[in-house]
PDB file of N, CA and C in Angstrom:
ATOM      1  N   MET A   1      52.645 -28.847  16.570  1.00  0.00           N
ATOM      2  CA  MET A   1      51.157 -28.459  15.901  1.00  0.00           C
ATOM      3  C   MET A   1      50.217 -27.613  16.564  1.00  0.00           C
ATOM      4  N   PRO A   2      49.908 -26.117  16.358  1.00  0.00           N
ATOM      5  CA  PRO A   2      49.370 -25.694  17.178  1.00  0.00           C
ATOM      6  C   PRO A   2      47.483 -26.189  17.617  1.00  0.00           C
ATOM      7  N   THR A   3      47.283 -25.821  18.539  1.00  0.00           N
ATOM      8  CA  THR A   3      45.936 -26.411  19.153  1.00  0.00           C
ATOM      9  C   THR A   3      44.563 -25.389  18.703  1.00  0.00           C
ATOM     10  N   VAL A   4      43.544 -25.746  18.327  1.00  0.00           N
ATOM     11  CA  VAL A   4      42.692 -24.871  17.693  1.00  0.00           C
ATOM     12  C   VAL A   4      42.285 -23.759  19.067  1.00  0.00           C
ATOM     13  N   GLU A   5      42.843 -24.007  20.020  1.00  0.00           N
ATOM     14  CA  GLU A   5      42.301 -22.522  21.059  1.00  0.00           C
ATOM     15  C   GLU A   5      43.164 -22.033  20.680  1.00  0.00           C
ATOM     16  N   GLN A   6      44.629 -21.936  20.670  1.00  0.00           N
ATOM     17  CA  GLN A   6      45.914 -21.392  19.543  1.00  0.00           C
ATOM     18  C   GLN A   6      45.284 -20.584  18.726  1.00  0.00           C
ATOM     19  N   LEU A   7      44.667 -21.169  17.615  1.00  0.00           N
ATOM     20  CA  LEU A   7      44.557 -20.568  16.269  1.00  0.00           C
ATOM     21  C   LEU A   7      43.204 -19.328  16.557  1.00  0.00           C
ATOM     22  N   LYS A   8      42.725 -19.716  17.380  1.00  0.00           N
ATOM     23  CA  LYS A   8      41.635 -19.084  17.350  1.00  0.00           C
ATOM     24  C   LYS A   8      41.810 -17.870  18.033  1.00  0.00           C
ATOM     25  N   THR A   9      42.561 -17.602  19.110  1.00  0.00           N
ATOM     26  CA  THR A   9      43.396 -16.562  19.557  1.00  0.00           C
ATOM     27  C   THR A   9      44.126 -15.655  18.656  1.00  0.00           C
ATOM     28  N   PHE A  10      44.757 -16.686  17.660  1.00  0.00           N
ATOM     29  CA  PHE A  10      45.779 -16.277  16.463  1.00  0.00           C
ATOM     30  C   PHE A  10      44.830 -14.888  15.812  1.00  0.00           C
ATOM     31  N   PHE A  11      43.862 -15.603  15.353  1.00  0.00           N
ATOM     32  CA  PHE A  11      42.863 -15.068  14.418  1.00  0.00           C
ATOM     33  C   PHE A  11      42.485 -13.836  14.871  1.00  0.00           C
ATOM     34  N   ARG A  12      42.023 -13.677  16.469  1.00  0.00           N
ATOM     35  CA  ARG A  12      41.399 -12.763  16.827  1.00  0.00           C
ATOM     36  C   ARG A  12      42.305 -11.429  17.007  1.00  0.00           C
ATOM     37  N   ILE A  13      44.152 -11.782  17.471  1.00  0.00           N
ATOM     38  CA  ILE A  13      44.987 -11.209  17.332  1.00  0.00           C
ATOM     39  C   ILE A  13      45.294 -10.696  15.812  1.00  0.00           C
ATOM     40  N   CYS A  14      45.198 -11.596  15.251  1.00  0.00           N
ATOM     41  CA  CYS A  14      45.710 -10.711  13.582  1.00  0.00           C
ATOM     42  C   CYS A  14      44.204  -9.397  13.730  1.00  0.00           C
ATOM     43  N   VAL A  15      43.021  -9.858  13.687  1.00  0.00           N
ATOM     44  CA  VAL A  15      42.371  -8.899  13.363  1.00  0.00           C
ATOM     45  C   VAL A  15      42.374  -7.892  14.134  1.00  0.00           C
ATOM     46  N   ARG A  16      42.417  -7.892  15.592  1.00  0.00           N
ATOM     47  CA  ARG A  16      42.513  -6.666  16.016  1.00  0.00           C
ATOM     48  C   ARG A  16      43.790  -5.562  15.749  1.00  0.00           C
ATOM     49  N   ALA A  17      44.813  -6.698  15.329  1.00  0.00           N
ATOM     50  CA  ALA A  17      45.918  -5.667  14.991  1.00  0.00           C
ATOM     51  C   ALA A  17      45.529  -5.360  13.358  1.00  0.00           C
ATOM     52  N   SER A  18      44.906  -5.365  12.941  1.00  0.00           N
ATOM     53  CA  SER A  18      44.570  -5.013  11.802  1.00  0.00           C
ATOM     54  C   SER A  18      43.875  -4.148  11.737  1.00  0.00           C
ATOM     55  N   ASN A  19      42.345  -4.323  12.338  1.00  0.00           N
ATOM     56  CA  ASN A  19      41.822  -2.590  13.181  1.00  0.00           C
ATOM     57  C   ASN A  19      42.364  -1.712  13.472  1.00  0.00           C
ATOM     58  N   LEU A  20      43.739  -1.957  14.110  1.00  0.00           N
ATOM     59  CA  LEU A  20      44.586  -1.080  14.618  1.00  0.00           C
ATOM     60  C   LEU A  20      45.747  -0.074  13.744  1.00  0.00           C
ATOM     61  N   LEU A  21      45.816  -0.971  12.476  1.00  0.00           N
ATOM     62  CA  LEU A  21      46.573  -0.124  11.433  1.00  0.00           C
ATOM     63  C   LEU A  21      47.937  -0.799  11.876  1.00  0.00           C
ATOM     64  N   ARG A  22      48.353  -1.818  12.410  1.00  0.00           N
ATOM     65  CA  ARG A  22      49.536  -2.330  12.870  1.00  0.00           C
ATOM     66  C   ARG A  22      49.945  -3.159  12.156  1.00  0.00           C
ATOM     67  N   THR A  23      51.329  -3.787  11.792  1.00  0.00           N
ATOM     68  CA  THR A  23      51.894  -4.602  11.119  1.00  0.00           C
ATOM     69  C   THR A  23      52.240  -5.471  12.087  1.00  0.00           C
ATOM     70  N   ILE A  24      52.166  -7.032  11.176  1.00  0.00           N
ATOM     71  CA  ILE A  24      52.713  -7.746  12.193  1.00  0.00           C
ATOM     72  C   ILE A  24      53.760  -8.405  10.866  1.00  0.00           C
ATOM     73  N   GLU A  25      55.056  -8.233  11.912  1.00  0.00           N
ATOM     74  CA  GLU A  25      56.122  -7.837  11.616  1.00  0.00           C
ATOM     75  C   GLU A  25      56.514  -9.779  11.567  1.00  0.00           C
ATOM     76  N   LEU A  26      55.879 -10.536  12.758  1.00  0.00           N
ATOM     77  CA  LEU A  26      56.582 -11.975  12.994  1.00  0.00           C
ATOM     78  C   LEU A  26      55.805 -12.935  13.393  1.00  0.00           C
ATOM     79  N   THR A  27      55.832 -13.979  12.853  1.00  0.00           N
ATOM     80  CA  THR A  27      54.620 -14.942  13.292  1.00  0.00           C
ATOM     81  C   THR A  27      55.604 -16.597  13.775  1.00  0.00           C
ATOM     82  N   ARG A  28      55.899 -16.934  14.653  1.00  0.00           N
ATOM     83  CA  ARG A  28      55.957 -18.285  14.850  1.00  0.00           C
ATOM     84  C   ARG A  28      55.662 -18.995  16.233  1.00  0.00           C
ATOM     85  N   TYR A  29      55.945 -20.397  15.343  1.00  0.00           N
ATOM     86  CA  TYR A  29      55.434 -21.489  16.443  1.00  0.00           C
ATOM     87  C   TYR A  29      56.888 -22.163  17.268  1.00  0.00           C
ATOM     88  N   ASP A  30      56.801 -21.880  18.215  1.00  0.00           N
ATOM     89  CA  ASP A  30      57.915 -22.362  18.694  1.00  0.00           C
ATOM     90  C   ASP A  30      57.669 -24.124  19.151  1.00  0.00           C
ATOM     91  N   THR A  31      58.049 -25.155  19.011  1.00  0.00           N
ATOM     92  CA  THR A  31      57.811 -26.523  18.911  1.00  0.00           C
ATOM     93  C   THR A  31      58.572 -27.135  20.209  1.00  0.00           C
ATOM     94  N   ARG A  32      59.066 -26.014  20.581  1.00  0.00           N
ATOM     95  CA  ARG A  32      59.647 -26.543  21.969  1.00  0.00           C
ATOM     96  C   ARG A  32      59.088 -26.711  23.678  1.00  0.00           C
ATOM     97  N   SER A  33      58.262 -25.051  23.512  1.00  0.00           N
ATOM     98  CA  SER A  33      57.468 -24.365  24.253  1.00  0.00           C
ATOM     99  C   SER A  33      56.061 -24.761  23.843  1.00  0.00           C
ATOM    100  N   GLN A  34      55.491 -24.790  22.646  1.00  0.00           N
ATOM    101  CA  GLN A  34      54.552 -25.155  22.119  1.00  0.00           C
ATOM    102  C   GLN A  34      53.730 -23.520  22.097  1.00  0.00           C
ATOM    103  N   ARG A  35      54.231 -22.549  21.610  1.00  0.00           N
ATOM    104  CA  ARG A  35      53.286 -21.365  21.691  1.00  0.00           C
ATOM    105  C   ARG A  35      53.493 -20.596  20.564  1.00  0.00           C
ATOM    106  N   ILE A  36      52.242 -19.940  20.340  1.00  0.00           N
ATOM    107  CA  ILE A  36      52.943 -19.052  18.992  1.00  0.00           C
ATOM    108  C   ILE A  36      53.489 -18.039  19.717  1.00  0.00           C
ATOM    109  N   VAL A  37      54.181 -17.409  18.601  1.00  0.00           N
ATOM    110  CA  VAL A  37      54.461 -16.024  19.365  1.00  0.00           C
ATOM    111  C   VAL A  37      54.330 -14.798  18.337  1.00  0.00           C
ATOM    112  N   VAL A  38      54.002 -13.719  18.558  1.00  0.00           N
ATOM    113  CA  VAL A  38      53.567 -12.658  17.351  1.00  0.00           C
ATOM    114  C   VAL A  38      54.390 -11.482  17.719  1.00  0.00           C
ATOM    115  N   LEU A  39      54.912 -10.339  16.436  1.00  0.00           N
ATOM    116  CA  LEU A  39      55.368  -9.426  17.340  1.00  0.00           C
ATOM    117  C   LEU A  39      54.888  -8.344  16.199  1.00  0.00           C
ATOM    118  N   ILE A  40      53.729  -7.773  16.619  1.00  0.00           N
ATOM    119  CA  ILE A  40      53.237  -6.657  16.245  1.00  0.00           C
ATOM    120  C   ILE A  40      54.205  -4.911  16.323  1.00  0.00           C
ATOM    121  N   GLY A  41      54.100  -4.462  15.036  1.00  0.00           N
ATOM    122  CA  GLY A  41      54.511  -3.400  14.910  1.00  0.00           C
ATOM    123  C   GLY A  41      56.030  -3.678  15.409  1.00  0.00           C
ATOM    124  N   GLU A  42      56.862  -2.955  15.820  1.00  0.00           N
ATOM    125  CA  GLU A  42      57.988  -2.831  16.690  1.00  0.00           C
ATOM    126  C   GLU A  42      58.231  -3.407  18.021  1.00  0.00           C
ATOM    127  N   THR A  43      57.237  -3.150  19.090  1.00  0.00           N
ATOM    128  CA  THR A  43      57.296  -3.131  20.126  1.00  0.00           C
ATOM    129  C   THR A  43      56.507  -4.037  21.220  1.00  0.00           C
ATOM    130  N   ILE A  44      55.168  -4.816  20.026  1.00  0.00           N
ATOM    131  CA  ILE A  44      54.476  -5.080  21.230  1.00  0.00           C
ATOM    132  C   ILE A  44      54.680  -6.917  20.802  1.00  0.00           C
ATOM    133  N   GLU A  45      54.730  -7.671  21.556  1.00  0.00           N
ATOM    134  CA  GLU A  45      54.932  -8.959  21.222  1.00  0.00           C
ATOM    135  C   GLU A  45      54.179  -9.941  22.119  1.00  0.00           C
ATOM    136  N   VAL A  46      53.299 -10.391  21.417  1.00  0.00           N
ATOM    137  CA  VAL A  46      52.112 -11.296  21.869  1.00  0.00           C
ATOM    138  C   VAL A  46      52.649 -12.961  21.792  1.00  0.00           C
ATOM    139  N   GLU A  47      52.671 -13.760  22.890  1.00  0.00           N
ATOM    140  CA  GLU A  47      52.699 -15.126  23.188  1.00  0.00           C
ATOM    141  C   GLU A  47      51.405 -15.796  23.292  1.00  0.00           C
ATOM    142  N   ILE A  48      50.968 -16.639  23.083  1.00  0.00           N
ATOM    143  CA  ILE A  48      49.469 -17.598  22.684  1.00  0.00           C
ATOM    144  C   ILE A  48      50.071 -19.020  23.156  1.00  0.00           C
ATOM    145  N   LEU A  49      49.685 -19.208  24.387  1.00  0.00           N
ATOM    146  CA  LEU A  49      49.728 -20.525  25.289  1.00  0.00           C
ATOM    147  C   LEU A  49      48.768 -21.684  24.503  1.00  0.00           C
ATOM    148  N   SER A  50      49.490 -22.618  24.912  1.00  0.00           N
ATOM    149  CA  SER A  50      48.803 -24.155  24.595  1.00  0.00           C
ATOM    150  C   SER A  50      47.343 -24.175  24.723  1.00  0.00           C
ATOM    151  N   ASN A  51      46.591 -23.673  25.766  1.00  0.00           N
ATOM    152  CA  ASN A  51      45.355 -23.228  26.018  1.00  0.00           C
ATOM    153  C   ASN A  51      44.466 -21.935  25.490  1.00  0.00           C
ATOM    154  N   GLY A  52      45.078 -21.296  24.586  1.00  0.00           N
ATOM    155  CA  GLY A  52      44.604 -20.208  23.944  1.00  0.00           C
ATOM    156  C   GLY A  52      44.778 -18.905  24.783  1.00  0.00           C
ATOM    157  N   GLU A  53      45.833 -18.970  25.954  1.00  0.00           N
ATOM    158  CA  GLU A  53      45.445 -17.813  26.678  1.00  0.00           C
ATOM    159  C   GLU A  53      46.649 -16.748  25.894  1.00  0.00           C
ATOM    160  N   GLU A  54      46.802 -15.507  25.894  1.00  0.00           N
ATOM    161  CA  GLU A  54      47.711 -14.405  25.354  1.00  0.00           C
ATOM    162  C   GLU A  54      48.299 -13.802  26.691  1.00  0.00           C
ATOM    163  N   LEU A  55      49.971 -13.830  26.505  1.00  0.00           N
ATOM    164  CA  LEU A  55      50.670 -12.641  27.264  1.00  0.00           C
ATOM    165  C   LEU A  55      51.124 -11.417  26.311  1.00  0.00           C
ATOM    166  N   ILE A  56      50.763 -10.446  26.713  1.00  0.00           N
ATOM    167  CA  ILE A  56      51.097  -9.108  26.017  1.00  0.00           C
ATOM    168  C   ILE A  56      52.414  -8.880  26.388  1.00  0.00           C
ATOM    169  N   ARG A  57      53.227  -8.269  25.931  1.00  0.00           N
ATOM    170  CA  ARG A  57      54.654  -7.955  26.936  1.00  0.00           C
ATOM    171  C   ARG A  57      54.961  -6.757  25.881  1.00  0.00           C
TER     172      ARG A  57
END
């Protein structure tokens, strides 16, 4: 189950992607690592850690 911090960060990422007119291609919650993974467009990958920090690749 995602944490409140993860959900807040996820919402902010979705709003930013929308404002930049980018599509969110994939969203996944990995139960093993307890991270949310978001693929924006074809090239931007964001991982949201359980404490709400985001890693952009």
